[in-house]
Amino acid sequence: NALLDMYVKCECLCDAKQLFDELPVRDIVSWTCIISGLVQCKCPKESLEFFGAMQLSGVEPDKVILTSVLSACSSLGALDYGRWVHEYIDYWGITWDTHIGTAMVDMYGKCGCIEMALQTFYGMSSRNVFTWNALLGGLAMHGHGHEALKQFERMVRVGVRPNEVTFLAILTACCHSGLVDEGRRHYQIISQDYNLSPRLEHYGCMIDLLCRAGLLDEAQQIISSMPMPPDVLIWGALLSAFKANGNVDLSQDMLDRLSEIESQDSGVYVLLSNIYATNERWDDVKRVRRLMKEKGIKKSPGLSVIEVDGKAYEFLVGDINHPRNEDIHTLLDILGNQVHLEGNFSCPFL
């Protein structure tokens, strides 16, 4: 078990899984190591597969494993699986603690089941800053900006001190709900009232908020004042705003600065190339593609995940390997035609 824990913490997952398969006896510690480790290594789908195998083996899960499984459900958006875990906990009379409660709030919030997230949150006997962050994050993710701000004020009133993650959730809430003034105010109090240093993610949210509102000059001022170099997500937000406002000249400056970024994210480069192509600046299109080639950057195919009957299915753009590929595309055509008839507009996938 100690060796298994070492492999997992070093992210040597192939070695960890091989060792786990070779164990003559697997106790609760063995299962905890592999399931929790896979969640921490951002392999939620595999962690749920191991959890299913653990149930078949007859080993009863403890609170640590259940908390990890809820985290995996949060990452996948596996609401049905998360509900089953909730029912399992209640059925077997497992005592709730702050860890399980927080994981449950996080799962419901990230899966978009805001009513259950709030119900779970209010039903907890004790809450810490992580519990509040889970609630605020779910509200922010699904566009409930005003409710997130309301809960933040309540959090402060009851004496829970916000941390960096709290403000990231609040700025995200403002961004997704278009609350520019509230975003500005909370961005300022990060350092003024709470003596916290904004991280790259905070700058990214604020810049995204300003770009969505068309306030490009203010967004660029924040970029200039950042103590660290902007990442590709920040440049992506700015370039998207340039494209929406038809501003091509500024994109030339972005190309020079993008060449200094060490990232394999193709999204920003593709966006910049598309801006140039729309304006028939073919020489600049070639420059961007040449830059991508020099950096070894390739456009990554889109990926979506859907949960059906407690099992997660992954789909890549252009993937035809699913055994029911023809049925899927036939149904897609039917839905597309219905949308076209009902809405009287063309569908991009038809």
Protein backbone atom coordinates (compact mmCIF):
# COMPACT_ATOMS: atom_id res chain seq x y z
CA ASN A 1 0.00 0.00 0.00
CA ALA A 2 2.87 2.39 0.75
CA LEU A 3 4.41 1.64 -2.64
CA LEU A 4 1.04 2.13 -4.31
CA ASP A 5 0.63 5.47 -2.56
CA MET A 6 4.09 6.54 -3.75
CA TYR A 7 3.32 5.70 -7.38
CA VAL A 8 0.04 7.60 -7.27
CA LYS A 9 1.51 10.70 -5.63
CA CYS A 10 4.32 10.69 -8.22
CA GLU A 11 1.63 10.37 -10.94
CA CYS A 12 3.10 7.10 -12.18
CA LEU A 13 -0.39 5.82 -12.90
CA CYS A 14 0.56 2.91 -15.16
CA ASP A 15 2.86 1.55 -12.46
CA ALA A 16 0.20 2.18 -9.81
CA LYS A 17 -2.48 0.28 -11.73
CA GLN A 18 -0.11 -2.58 -12.52
CA LEU A 19 0.88 -2.88 -8.86
CA PHE A 20 -2.75 -2.72 -7.78
CA ASP A 21 -3.66 -5.57 -10.16
CA GLU A 22 -0.80 -7.66 -8.75
CA LEU A 23 -1.78 -7.20 -5.09
CA PRO A 24 -2.77 -10.60 -3.64
CA VAL A 25 -5.03 -8.88 -1.10
CA ARG A 26 -6.65 -5.47 -1.42
CA ASP A 27 -7.97 -3.76 1.70
CA ILE A 28 -9.76 -0.43 2.11
CA VAL A 29 -6.41 1.40 2.13
CA SER A 30 -5.49 -0.10 -1.26
CA TRP A 31 -8.77 1.02 -2.80
CA THR A 32 -8.50 4.45 -1.20
CA CYS A 33 -5.01 4.96 -2.66
CA ILE A 34 -6.00 4.09 -6.22
CA ILE A 35 -9.43 5.78 -6.29
CA SER A 36 -8.41 8.99 -4.52
CA GLY A 37 -5.14 9.09 -6.43
CA LEU A 38 -6.85 8.88 -9.82
CA VAL A 39 -9.16 11.74 -8.85
CA GLN A 40 -6.20 13.87 -7.76
CA CYS A 41 -4.43 13.06 -11.05
CA LYS A 42 -7.49 14.25 -13.00
CA CYS A 43 -8.59 10.79 -14.11
CA PRO A 44 -12.18 10.85 -12.79
CA LYS A 45 -13.57 8.35 -15.28
CA GLU A 46 -11.03 5.69 -14.30
CA SER A 47 -11.62 6.38 -10.61
CA LEU A 48 -15.33 5.59 -11.02
CA GLU A 49 -14.43 2.37 -12.84
CA PHE A 50 -12.26 1.33 -9.89
CA PHE A 51 -15.05 2.29 -7.49
CA GLY A 52 -17.39 -0.03 -9.39
CA ALA A 53 -14.81 -2.82 -9.17
CA MET A 54 -14.47 -2.21 -5.44
CA GLN A 55 -18.20 -2.67 -4.94
CA LEU A 56 -18.09 -5.96 -6.84
CA SER A 57 -15.23 -7.10 -4.59
CA GLY A 58 -17.40 -6.64 -1.51
CA VAL A 59 -15.25 -3.98 0.18
CA GLU A 60 -17.37 -1.28 1.82
CA PRO A 61 -16.32 2.31 0.98
CA ASP A 62 -15.40 4.74 3.73
CA LYS A 63 -15.88 8.52 3.89
CA VAL A 64 -12.60 9.23 2.12
CA ILE A 65 -13.52 7.10 -0.88
CA LEU A 66 -17.06 8.49 -1.05
CA THR A 67 -15.69 12.04 -0.95
CA SER A 68 -13.30 11.17 -3.80
CA VAL A 69 -16.09 9.58 -5.84
CA LEU A 70 -18.22 12.71 -5.42
CA SER A 71 -15.27 14.77 -6.65
CA ALA A 72 -15.02 12.51 -9.70
CA CYS A 73 -18.72 13.02 -10.38
CA SER A 74 -18.18 16.78 -10.14
CA SER A 75 -15.41 16.65 -12.74
CA LEU A 76 -17.48 14.56 -15.16
CA GLY A 77 -20.82 16.24 -14.53
CA ALA A 78 -22.12 12.76 -13.64
CA LEU A 79 -25.26 13.86 -11.80
CA ASP A 80 -27.00 10.46 -11.75
CA TYR A 81 -23.92 8.77 -10.30
CA GLY A 82 -23.58 11.54 -7.72
CA ARG A 83 -27.22 11.17 -6.71
CA TRP A 84 -26.67 7.44 -6.27
CA VAL A 85 -23.74 8.15 -3.91
CA HIS A 86 -25.98 10.56 -1.98
CA GLU A 87 -28.65 7.87 -1.65
CA TYR A 88 -26.01 5.30 -0.66
CA ILE A 89 -24.75 7.54 2.15
CA ASP A 90 -28.26 8.14 3.47
CA TYR A 91 -29.34 4.49 3.10
CA TRP A 92 -26.42 3.14 5.13
CA GLY A 93 -26.67 5.89 7.71
CA ILE A 94 -23.16 7.18 7.10
CA THR A 95 -22.57 10.24 9.27
CA TRP A 96 -22.10 13.41 7.30
CA ASP A 97 -19.06 15.51 8.02
CA THR A 98 -17.80 18.75 6.47
CA HIS A 99 -15.75 16.88 3.85
CA ILE A 100 -18.65 14.81 2.52
CA GLY A 101 -21.06 17.75 2.72
CA THR A 102 -18.68 20.04 0.83
CA ALA A 103 -18.08 17.40 -1.85
CA MET A 104 -21.86 16.95 -2.18
CA VAL A 105 -22.47 20.70 -2.57
CA ASP A 106 -19.66 20.85 -5.13
CA MET A 107 -21.08 17.91 -7.09
CA TYR A 108 -24.62 19.29 -7.26
CA GLY A 109 -23.36 22.78 -8.05
CA LYS A 110 -21.05 21.75 -10.88
CA CYS A 111 -23.72 19.46 -12.33
CA GLY A 112 -26.10 22.43 -12.49
CA CYS A 113 -28.50 21.12 -9.84
CA ILE A 114 -28.46 24.40 -7.93
CA GLU A 115 -31.59 23.73 -5.88
CA MET A 116 -30.07 20.54 -4.43
CA ALA A 117 -26.74 22.30 -3.88
CA LEU A 118 -28.48 24.96 -1.80
CA GLN A 119 -30.60 22.38 0.03
CA THR A 120 -27.51 20.34 0.89
CA PHE A 121 -25.62 23.47 1.92
CA TYR A 122 -28.35 24.68 4.28
CA GLY A 123 -28.74 21.18 5.72
CA MET A 124 -25.12 21.03 6.91
CA SER A 125 -24.52 21.56 10.62
CA SER A 126 -21.08 23.12 10.06
CA ARG A 127 -19.49 24.83 7.07
CA ASN A 128 -16.00 26.10 6.35
CA VAL A 129 -14.54 28.31 3.63
CA PHE A 130 -14.28 25.31 1.29
CA THR A 131 -18.01 24.66 1.64
CA TRP A 132 -18.80 28.27 0.79
CA ASN A 133 -16.40 28.14 -2.15
CA ALA A 134 -18.12 25.02 -3.49
CA LEU A 135 -21.50 26.75 -3.39
CA LEU A 136 -20.20 29.98 -4.91
CA GLY A 137 -18.38 28.05 -7.64
CA GLY A 138 -21.53 26.20 -8.67
CA LEU A 139 -23.59 29.39 -8.73
CA ALA A 140 -20.89 31.16 -10.76
CA MET A 141 -20.50 28.36 -13.28
CA HIS A 142 -24.20 28.32 -14.16
CA GLY A 143 -24.83 32.06 -14.44
CA HIS A 144 -26.40 32.76 -11.03
CA GLY A 145 -24.31 35.88 -10.49
CA HIS A 146 -26.71 37.79 -8.26
CA GLU A 147 -27.28 34.76 -6.01
CA ALA A 148 -23.51 34.24 -5.78
CA LEU A 149 -23.01 37.84 -4.66
CA LYS A 150 -25.84 37.46 -2.14
CA GLN A 151 -24.24 34.31 -0.68
CA PHE A 152 -20.84 36.02 -0.58
CA GLU A 153 -22.25 38.85 1.54
CA ARG A 154 -23.84 36.27 3.83
CA MET A 155 -20.52 34.44 4.09
CA VAL A 156 -18.78 37.61 5.22
CA ARG A 157 -21.55 38.42 7.72
CA VAL A 158 -21.24 35.05 9.48
CA GLY A 159 -17.51 35.60 9.91
CA VAL A 160 -16.00 33.26 7.31
CA ARG A 161 -12.94 34.90 5.77
CA PRO A 162 -12.79 34.62 1.95
CA ASN A 163 -9.66 33.26 0.29
CA GLU A 164 -8.27 33.40 -3.25
CA VAL A 165 -10.63 30.67 -4.48
CA THR A 166 -13.61 32.59 -3.10
CA PHE A 167 -12.76 35.66 -5.14
CA LEU A 168 -12.12 33.56 -8.22
CA ALA A 169 -15.68 32.23 -7.92
CA ILE A 170 -17.07 35.74 -7.41
CA LEU A 171 -15.23 37.18 -10.41
CA THR A 172 -16.37 34.22 -12.50
CA ALA A 173 -19.95 34.87 -11.37
CA CYS A 174 -19.68 38.52 -12.39
CA CYS A 175 -18.14 37.52 -15.72
CA HIS A 176 -20.85 35.00 -16.60
CA SER A 177 -23.62 37.42 -15.59
CA GLY A 178 -22.15 40.59 -17.11
CA LEU A 179 -21.88 42.38 -13.75
CA VAL A 180 -19.08 44.80 -14.63
CA ASP A 181 -19.40 47.22 -11.70
CA GLU A 182 -19.66 44.41 -9.15
CA GLY A 183 -16.68 42.71 -10.77
CA ARG A 184 -14.60 45.87 -10.50
CA ARG A 185 -15.54 46.32 -6.84
CA HIS A 186 -14.69 42.77 -5.81
CA TYR A 187 -11.49 42.83 -7.84
CA GLN A 188 -10.35 45.88 -5.87
CA ILE A 189 -11.16 44.50 -2.41
CA ILE A 190 -9.03 41.38 -2.98
CA SER A 191 -5.95 43.35 -2.02
CA GLN A 192 -7.47 46.40 -0.33
CA ASP A 193 -9.71 44.68 2.22
CA TYR A 194 -8.25 41.16 2.49
CA ASN A 195 -4.55 41.71 1.76
CA LEU A 196 -4.53 38.95 -0.85
CA SER A 197 -2.50 39.02 -4.05
CA PRO A 198 -4.52 38.43 -7.23
CA ARG A 199 -3.39 35.36 -9.12
CA LEU A 200 -3.28 34.83 -12.86
CA GLU A 201 -6.79 33.35 -12.74
CA HIS A 202 -8.19 36.49 -11.09
CA TYR A 203 -6.66 38.69 -13.77
CA GLY A 204 -8.04 36.35 -16.41
CA CYS A 205 -11.60 36.57 -15.07
CA MET A 206 -11.47 40.36 -14.82
CA ILE A 207 -10.04 40.75 -18.31
CA ASP A 208 -12.64 38.34 -19.70
CA LEU A 209 -15.41 40.34 -18.00
CA LEU A 210 -14.16 43.62 -19.49
CA CYS A 211 -13.67 42.09 -22.93
CA ARG A 212 -17.20 40.68 -22.97
CA ALA A 213 -18.44 44.19 -22.13
CA GLY A 214 -16.39 45.69 -24.96
CA LEU A 215 -14.11 47.62 -22.58
CA LEU A 216 -10.92 46.74 -24.43
CA ASP A 217 -8.87 49.73 -23.28
CA GLU A 218 -9.50 48.94 -19.62
CA ALA A 219 -8.73 45.27 -20.25
CA GLN A 220 -5.40 46.17 -21.84
CA GLN A 221 -4.57 48.45 -18.90
CA ILE A 222 -4.99 45.51 -16.52
CA ILE A 223 -2.81 43.33 -18.75
CA SER A 224 -0.10 46.00 -18.68
CA SER A 225 -0.27 46.18 -14.87
CA MET A 226 -0.01 42.42 -14.30
CA PRO A 227 3.07 41.31 -12.33
CA MET A 228 3.24 38.12 -14.39
CA PRO A 229 3.00 37.52 -18.17
CA PRO A 230 -0.52 36.83 -19.51
CA ASP A 231 -1.32 33.26 -20.46
CA VAL A 232 -3.03 32.04 -23.62
CA LEU A 233 -6.48 32.21 -22.00
CA ILE A 234 -6.12 35.94 -21.39
CA TRP A 235 -4.89 36.52 -24.93
CA GLY A 236 -7.77 34.37 -26.16
CA ALA A 237 -10.32 36.55 -24.36
CA LEU A 238 -8.73 39.68 -25.80
CA LEU A 239 -8.54 38.27 -29.33
CA SER A 240 -12.19 37.17 -29.17
CA ALA A 241 -13.12 40.72 -28.24
CA PHE A 242 -10.99 42.06 -31.10
CA LYS A 243 -12.83 39.77 -33.50
CA ALA A 244 -16.24 40.79 -32.18
CA ASN A 245 -15.32 44.47 -32.55
CA GLY A 246 -13.67 44.03 -35.95
CA ASN A 247 -10.32 45.23 -34.60
CA VAL A 248 -7.63 43.56 -36.69
CA ASP A 249 -4.70 45.92 -36.22
CA LEU A 250 -4.35 45.10 -32.54
CA SER A 251 -4.14 41.43 -33.41
CA GLN A 252 -0.81 42.11 -35.16
CA ASP A 253 0.69 43.19 -31.85
CA MET A 254 -0.74 40.08 -30.26
CA LEU A 255 1.09 37.90 -32.78
CA ASP A 256 4.44 39.34 -31.72
CA ARG A 257 3.68 38.72 -28.04
CA LEU A 258 2.18 35.28 -28.66
CA SER A 259 5.48 34.16 -30.16
CA GLU A 260 6.99 34.56 -26.68
CA ILE A 261 4.42 32.32 -24.96
CA GLU A 262 5.46 28.75 -24.21
CA SER A 263 2.18 26.90 -24.63
CA GLN A 264 0.83 24.03 -26.71
CA ASP A 265 -2.72 25.44 -26.63
CA SER A 266 -3.83 25.84 -30.24
CA GLY A 267 -7.00 27.83 -29.54
CA VAL A 268 -5.49 31.33 -29.52
CA TYR A 269 -3.45 30.73 -32.66
CA VAL A 270 -6.46 29.33 -34.51
CA LEU A 271 -8.56 32.31 -33.43
CA LEU A 272 -5.93 34.78 -34.60
CA SER A 273 -5.62 32.94 -37.91
CA ASN A 274 -9.40 33.05 -38.38
CA ILE A 275 -9.46 36.80 -37.70
CA TYR A 276 -6.90 37.35 -40.43
CA ALA A 277 -8.70 34.99 -42.82
CA THR A 278 -12.01 36.81 -42.30
CA ASN A 279 -10.28 40.04 -43.31
CA GLU A 280 -8.45 38.34 -46.22
CA ARG A 281 -5.02 38.99 -44.73
CA TRP A 282 -3.56 35.79 -46.14
CA ASP A 283 0.09 36.65 -45.50
CA ASP A 284 -0.71 37.00 -41.81
CA VAL A 285 -2.59 33.70 -41.88
CA LYS A 286 0.56 32.07 -43.23
CA ARG A 287 2.64 33.73 -40.51
CA VAL A 288 0.41 32.32 -37.76
CA ARG A 289 0.44 28.84 -39.26
CA ARG A 290 4.21 29.00 -39.68
CA LEU A 291 4.52 30.01 -36.02
CA MET A 292 2.35 27.05 -35.00
CA LYS A 293 4.50 24.72 -37.09
CA GLU A 294 7.71 26.07 -35.57
CA LYS A 295 6.33 25.51 -32.06
CA GLY A 296 4.96 22.07 -32.97
CA ILE A 297 1.41 23.15 -32.11
CA LYS A 298 -1.48 21.19 -33.60
CA LYS A 299 -5.18 21.92 -33.40
CA SER A 300 -6.70 19.63 -30.79
CA PRO A 301 -10.02 17.97 -31.66
CA GLY A 302 -13.03 18.96 -29.57
CA LEU A 303 -14.08 16.53 -26.85
CA SER A 304 -17.43 16.12 -25.12
CA VAL A 305 -18.50 13.81 -22.31
CA ILE A 306 -22.02 12.59 -21.57
CA GLU A 307 -23.27 10.38 -18.75
CA VAL A 308 -25.84 7.67 -19.54
CA ASP A 309 -27.01 5.21 -16.88
CA GLY A 310 -24.09 6.05 -14.61
CA LYS A 311 -21.46 5.52 -17.32
CA ALA A 312 -19.42 8.31 -18.95
CA TYR A 313 -19.04 8.32 -22.74
CA GLU A 314 -16.48 10.45 -24.58
CA PHE A 315 -16.89 11.79 -28.13
CA LEU A 316 -14.23 13.42 -30.30
CA VAL A 317 -15.01 15.72 -33.22
CA GLY A 318 -15.19 13.58 -36.36
CA ASP A 319 -15.07 10.34 -34.36
CA ILE A 320 -16.86 7.48 -36.17
CA ASN A 321 -15.73 4.62 -33.93
CA HIS A 322 -18.79 4.48 -31.68
CA PRO A 323 -20.69 1.20 -32.28
CA ARG A 324 -23.95 3.14 -32.73
CA ASN A 325 -22.44 5.88 -34.88
CA GLU A 326 -25.14 5.64 -37.59
CA ASP A 327 -27.97 5.81 -35.03
CA ILE A 328 -26.37 8.86 -33.40
CA HIS A 329 -26.05 10.75 -36.68
CA THR A 330 -29.56 9.77 -37.79
CA LEU A 331 -31.00 11.14 -34.55
CA LEU A 332 -28.85 14.26 -34.90
CA ASP A 333 -30.27 14.86 -38.38
CA ILE A 334 -33.82 14.44 -37.06
CA LEU A 335 -33.22 16.89 -34.21
CA GLY A 336 -31.56 19.34 -36.59
CA ASN A 337 -34.54 19.27 -38.93
CA GLN A 338 -36.94 19.81 -36.02
CA VAL A 339 -34.92 22.79 -34.79
CA HIS A 340 -34.87 24.18 -38.33
CA LEU A 341 -38.65 23.86 -38.65
CA GLU A 342 -39.47 25.19 -35.18
CA GLY A 343 -36.99 28.04 -35.12
CA ASN A 344 -36.95 28.84 -38.83
CA PHE A 345 -33.17 29.11 -38.95
CA SER A 346 -30.40 26.91 -40.27
CA CYS A 347 -28.38 24.61 -38.02
CA PRO A 348 -24.58 24.73 -38.27
CA PHE A 349 -24.26 20.94 -38.19
CA LEU A 350 -26.65 20.26 -41.10
